[in-house]
N, C-alpha and C. Protein backbone atom coordinates (compact mmCIF):
# COMPACT_ATOMS: atom_id res chain seq x y z
N MET A 1 0.84 -1.19 0.00
CA MET A 1 0.00 0.00 0.00
C MET A 1 0.88 1.24 0.00
N ILE A 2 0.57 2.19 -0.84
CA ILE A 2 1.34 3.44 -0.93
C ILE A 2 0.80 4.41 0.11
N GLU A 3 1.74 5.00 0.86
CA GLU A 3 1.34 5.97 1.86
C GLU A 3 0.93 7.27 1.20
N LYS A 4 0.08 8.01 1.89
CA LYS A 4 -0.34 9.31 1.37
C LYS A 4 0.84 10.26 1.37
N LYS A 5 0.77 11.21 0.47
CA LYS A 5 1.83 12.20 0.41
C LYS A 5 1.84 13.01 1.70
N SER A 6 3.03 13.29 2.16
CA SER A 6 3.21 14.00 3.41
C SER A 6 3.50 15.46 3.12
N SER A 7 3.25 16.30 4.09
CA SER A 7 3.58 17.71 3.95
C SER A 7 4.91 18.02 4.64
N ASP A 8 5.64 16.99 5.03
CA ASP A 8 6.94 17.16 5.68
C ASP A 8 7.89 17.87 4.74
N LYS A 9 8.33 19.06 5.12
CA LYS A 9 9.20 19.85 4.26
C LYS A 9 10.60 19.28 4.14
N ASN A 10 10.95 18.31 4.98
CA ASN A 10 12.28 17.73 4.93
C ASN A 10 12.35 16.52 4.01
N GLU A 11 11.22 16.13 3.43
CA GLU A 11 11.24 14.99 2.52
C GLU A 11 11.84 15.41 1.19
N ILE A 12 12.57 14.48 0.59
CA ILE A 12 13.22 14.76 -0.68
C ILE A 12 12.26 14.51 -1.84
N THR A 13 12.60 15.06 -2.98
CA THR A 13 11.75 14.94 -4.16
C THR A 13 12.37 13.99 -5.18
N GLY A 14 11.56 13.56 -6.13
CA GLY A 14 12.06 12.72 -7.20
C GLY A 14 13.15 13.40 -8.00
N ALA A 15 12.99 14.69 -8.24
CA ALA A 15 14.00 15.45 -8.97
C ALA A 15 15.34 15.47 -8.20
N GLN A 16 15.27 15.59 -6.89
CA GLN A 16 16.49 15.56 -6.08
C GLN A 16 17.16 14.19 -6.15
N ILE A 17 16.37 13.15 -6.14
CA ILE A 17 16.94 11.80 -6.23
C ILE A 17 17.66 11.62 -7.56
N ARG A 18 17.02 12.03 -8.65
CA ARG A 18 17.66 11.92 -9.97
C ARG A 18 18.96 12.70 -10.01
N ALA A 19 18.93 13.92 -9.50
CA ALA A 19 20.12 14.78 -9.51
C ALA A 19 21.23 14.21 -8.63
N ALA A 20 20.87 13.72 -7.46
CA ALA A 20 21.85 13.16 -6.53
C ALA A 20 22.50 11.92 -7.12
N ARG A 21 21.69 11.08 -7.73
CA ARG A 21 22.22 9.86 -8.34
C ARG A 21 23.19 10.21 -9.46
N ALA A 22 22.88 11.25 -10.21
CA ALA A 22 23.78 11.68 -11.28
C ALA A 22 25.10 12.21 -10.71
N LEU A 23 25.03 12.94 -9.60
CA LEU A 23 26.25 13.47 -8.99
C LEU A 23 27.21 12.37 -8.54
N VAL A 24 26.66 11.32 -7.96
CA VAL A 24 27.52 10.23 -7.49
C VAL A 24 27.78 9.19 -8.57
N ARG A 25 27.18 9.40 -9.75
CA ARG A 25 27.36 8.52 -10.91
C ARG A 25 26.96 7.07 -10.62
N TRP A 26 25.81 6.93 -9.97
CA TRP A 26 25.27 5.62 -9.68
C TRP A 26 24.16 5.29 -10.66
N SER A 27 24.06 4.04 -11.03
CA SER A 27 22.91 3.56 -11.78
C SER A 27 21.76 3.39 -10.79
N ALA A 28 20.56 3.19 -11.32
CA ALA A 28 19.42 2.92 -10.45
C ALA A 28 19.65 1.63 -9.66
N LYS A 29 20.31 0.67 -10.30
CA LYS A 29 20.61 -0.60 -9.63
C LYS A 29 21.58 -0.39 -8.47
N GLU A 30 22.57 0.47 -8.65
CA GLU A 30 23.53 0.75 -7.57
C GLU A 30 22.86 1.45 -6.40
N LEU A 31 21.97 2.41 -6.69
CA LEU A 31 21.24 3.08 -5.62
C LEU A 31 20.33 2.09 -4.90
N ALA A 32 19.65 1.26 -5.65
CA ALA A 32 18.77 0.26 -5.04
C ALA A 32 19.55 -0.65 -4.10
N SER A 33 20.72 -1.06 -4.53
CA SER A 33 21.56 -1.93 -3.70
C SER A 33 22.00 -1.20 -2.43
N ALA A 34 22.43 0.04 -2.58
CA ALA A 34 22.89 0.82 -1.42
C ALA A 34 21.76 1.10 -0.43
N ALA A 35 20.55 1.26 -0.96
CA ALA A 35 19.39 1.55 -0.10
C ALA A 35 18.66 0.28 0.35
N ASN A 36 19.10 -0.87 -0.17
CA ASN A 36 18.49 -2.15 0.16
C ASN A 36 17.00 -2.19 -0.21
N ILE A 37 16.71 -1.68 -1.41
CA ILE A 37 15.35 -1.68 -1.95
C ILE A 37 15.41 -2.16 -3.39
N GLY A 38 14.29 -2.32 -4.03
CA GLY A 38 14.24 -2.78 -5.40
C GLY A 38 14.50 -1.67 -6.41
N VAL A 39 14.99 -2.06 -7.58
CA VAL A 39 15.24 -1.10 -8.67
C VAL A 39 13.94 -0.43 -9.10
N ALA A 40 12.85 -1.18 -9.11
CA ALA A 40 11.55 -0.61 -9.49
C ALA A 40 11.14 0.50 -8.52
N THR A 41 11.50 0.36 -7.26
CA THR A 41 11.18 1.39 -6.27
C THR A 41 11.96 2.66 -6.56
N VAL A 42 13.24 2.52 -6.91
CA VAL A 42 14.05 3.68 -7.28
C VAL A 42 13.44 4.36 -8.50
N SER A 43 13.10 3.59 -9.51
CA SER A 43 12.52 4.15 -10.74
C SER A 43 11.22 4.87 -10.44
N ARG A 44 10.38 4.27 -9.59
CA ARG A 44 9.11 4.90 -9.22
C ARG A 44 9.35 6.20 -8.45
N ALA A 45 10.35 6.23 -7.60
CA ALA A 45 10.66 7.43 -6.81
C ALA A 45 11.15 8.56 -7.71
N GLU A 46 11.88 8.22 -8.75
CA GLU A 46 12.47 9.25 -9.62
C GLU A 46 11.50 9.81 -10.66
N VAL A 47 10.41 9.14 -10.89
CA VAL A 47 9.50 9.52 -11.97
C VAL A 47 8.82 10.88 -11.72
N GLU A 48 8.58 11.23 -10.50
CA GLU A 48 7.89 12.47 -10.17
C GLU A 48 8.88 13.55 -9.75
N ASP A 49 8.57 14.79 -10.08
CA ASP A 49 9.43 15.89 -9.66
C ASP A 49 9.22 16.21 -8.19
N GLY A 50 7.99 16.06 -7.70
CA GLY A 50 7.67 16.34 -6.30
C GLY A 50 7.92 15.15 -5.41
N ARG A 51 7.18 15.07 -4.31
CA ARG A 51 7.34 13.99 -3.34
C ARG A 51 6.95 12.67 -4.01
N PRO A 52 7.87 11.71 -4.04
CA PRO A 52 7.59 10.42 -4.68
C PRO A 52 6.48 9.64 -3.98
N THR A 53 5.78 8.83 -4.75
CA THR A 53 4.71 8.00 -4.18
C THR A 53 5.25 6.63 -3.80
N VAL A 54 6.27 6.64 -2.98
CA VAL A 54 6.82 5.42 -2.38
C VAL A 54 6.64 5.56 -0.87
N THR A 55 6.81 4.48 -0.15
CA THR A 55 6.63 4.55 1.30
C THR A 55 7.68 5.48 1.91
N SER A 56 7.34 6.03 3.05
CA SER A 56 8.29 6.90 3.76
C SER A 56 9.57 6.16 4.11
N ALA A 57 9.43 4.87 4.46
CA ALA A 57 10.61 4.06 4.80
C ALA A 57 11.54 3.92 3.60
N ASN A 58 10.98 3.66 2.41
CA ASN A 58 11.81 3.54 1.22
C ASN A 58 12.43 4.87 0.83
N LEU A 59 11.68 5.95 0.98
CA LEU A 59 12.21 7.27 0.67
C LEU A 59 13.38 7.61 1.60
N LYS A 60 13.22 7.27 2.87
CA LYS A 60 14.29 7.52 3.85
C LYS A 60 15.51 6.66 3.53
N ALA A 61 15.30 5.42 3.11
CA ALA A 61 16.42 4.54 2.75
C ALA A 61 17.21 5.12 1.57
N ILE A 62 16.50 5.66 0.59
CA ILE A 62 17.16 6.30 -0.55
C ILE A 62 17.96 7.50 -0.08
N GLN A 63 17.35 8.33 0.76
CA GLN A 63 18.01 9.52 1.26
C GLN A 63 19.28 9.17 2.03
N VAL A 64 19.19 8.21 2.92
CA VAL A 64 20.34 7.82 3.73
C VAL A 64 21.47 7.26 2.86
N ALA A 65 21.10 6.44 1.87
CA ALA A 65 22.13 5.88 0.97
C ALA A 65 22.86 6.98 0.22
N LEU A 66 22.12 7.97 -0.27
CA LEU A 66 22.76 9.05 -1.01
C LEU A 66 23.56 9.98 -0.09
N GLU A 67 23.06 10.22 1.10
CA GLU A 67 23.81 11.04 2.07
C GLU A 67 25.10 10.33 2.48
N THR A 68 25.05 9.03 2.63
CA THR A 68 26.25 8.25 2.96
C THR A 68 27.27 8.34 1.84
N ALA A 69 26.79 8.50 0.61
CA ALA A 69 27.67 8.63 -0.56
C ALA A 69 28.21 10.05 -0.71
N GLY A 70 27.81 10.97 0.18
CA GLY A 70 28.36 12.32 0.16
C GLY A 70 27.44 13.40 -0.35
N ILE A 71 26.17 13.11 -0.48
CA ILE A 71 25.22 14.09 -0.99
C ILE A 71 24.55 14.83 0.17
N GLU A 72 24.32 16.12 -0.04
CA GLU A 72 23.55 16.94 0.89
C GLU A 72 22.29 17.40 0.15
N PHE A 73 21.14 17.17 0.76
CA PHE A 73 19.88 17.61 0.18
C PHE A 73 19.57 19.00 0.70
N ILE A 74 19.26 19.91 -0.21
CA ILE A 74 18.96 21.29 0.15
C ILE A 74 17.45 21.47 0.12
N PRO A 75 16.86 21.85 1.26
CA PRO A 75 15.41 22.04 1.30
C PRO A 75 15.01 23.34 0.61
N VAL A 76 13.71 23.56 0.50
CA VAL A 76 13.23 24.82 -0.06
C VAL A 76 13.79 25.95 0.79
N ASN A 77 14.46 26.87 0.14
CA ASN A 77 15.09 27.97 0.88
C ASN A 77 14.92 29.29 0.14
N GLY A 78 13.83 29.43 -0.54
CA GLY A 78 13.58 30.63 -1.32
C GLY A 78 13.92 30.45 -2.78
N GLY A 79 14.77 29.48 -3.08
CA GLY A 79 15.16 29.25 -4.46
C GLY A 79 14.81 27.86 -4.96
N GLY A 80 14.12 27.10 -4.15
CA GLY A 80 13.76 25.74 -4.54
C GLY A 80 14.70 24.71 -3.95
N VAL A 81 14.30 23.46 -4.04
CA VAL A 81 15.10 22.37 -3.50
C VAL A 81 16.28 22.08 -4.42
N GLY A 82 17.27 21.37 -3.88
CA GLY A 82 18.43 21.01 -4.69
C GLY A 82 19.27 19.96 -4.01
N VAL A 83 20.41 19.67 -4.61
CA VAL A 83 21.39 18.73 -4.05
C VAL A 83 22.78 19.28 -4.33
N ARG A 84 23.71 18.85 -3.52
CA ARG A 84 25.12 19.19 -3.74
C ARG A 84 25.97 18.19 -2.97
N PHE A 85 27.25 18.19 -3.29
CA PHE A 85 28.16 17.37 -2.50
C PHE A 85 28.31 18.01 -1.13
N ARG A 86 28.30 17.17 -0.10
CA ARG A 86 28.49 17.66 1.27
C ARG A 86 29.94 18.10 1.43
N ILE A 87 30.12 19.20 2.09
CA ILE A 87 31.46 19.70 2.35
C ILE A 87 32.00 18.95 3.56
N ALA A 88 33.16 18.33 3.37
CA ALA A 88 33.78 17.57 4.45
C ALA A 88 34.29 18.53 5.53
N ASP A 89 34.14 18.12 6.78
CA ASP A 89 34.68 18.92 7.88
C ASP A 89 36.19 18.95 7.80
N LYS A 90 36.77 20.10 8.04
CA LYS A 90 38.23 20.24 7.99
C LYS A 90 38.86 19.95 9.30
């Protein structure tokens, strides 16, 4: 069963997932493996620009996998959501 869309402003979007995956140069299969979810779930999450229609648990797994790979998700901050490489602490 697909969970209803949440209004949580900290949730990532499909567009962010696509962009983050491109930054780390991962295939959908590599992201699925890192997040311990199916490739179809990754594809379904990336299809929408807004909040993906996947479970919150799967969305969080995708986010954690990409953050572990060095991605920082930028929330809406007046200019829209985005992604970038996390700056390592010096």
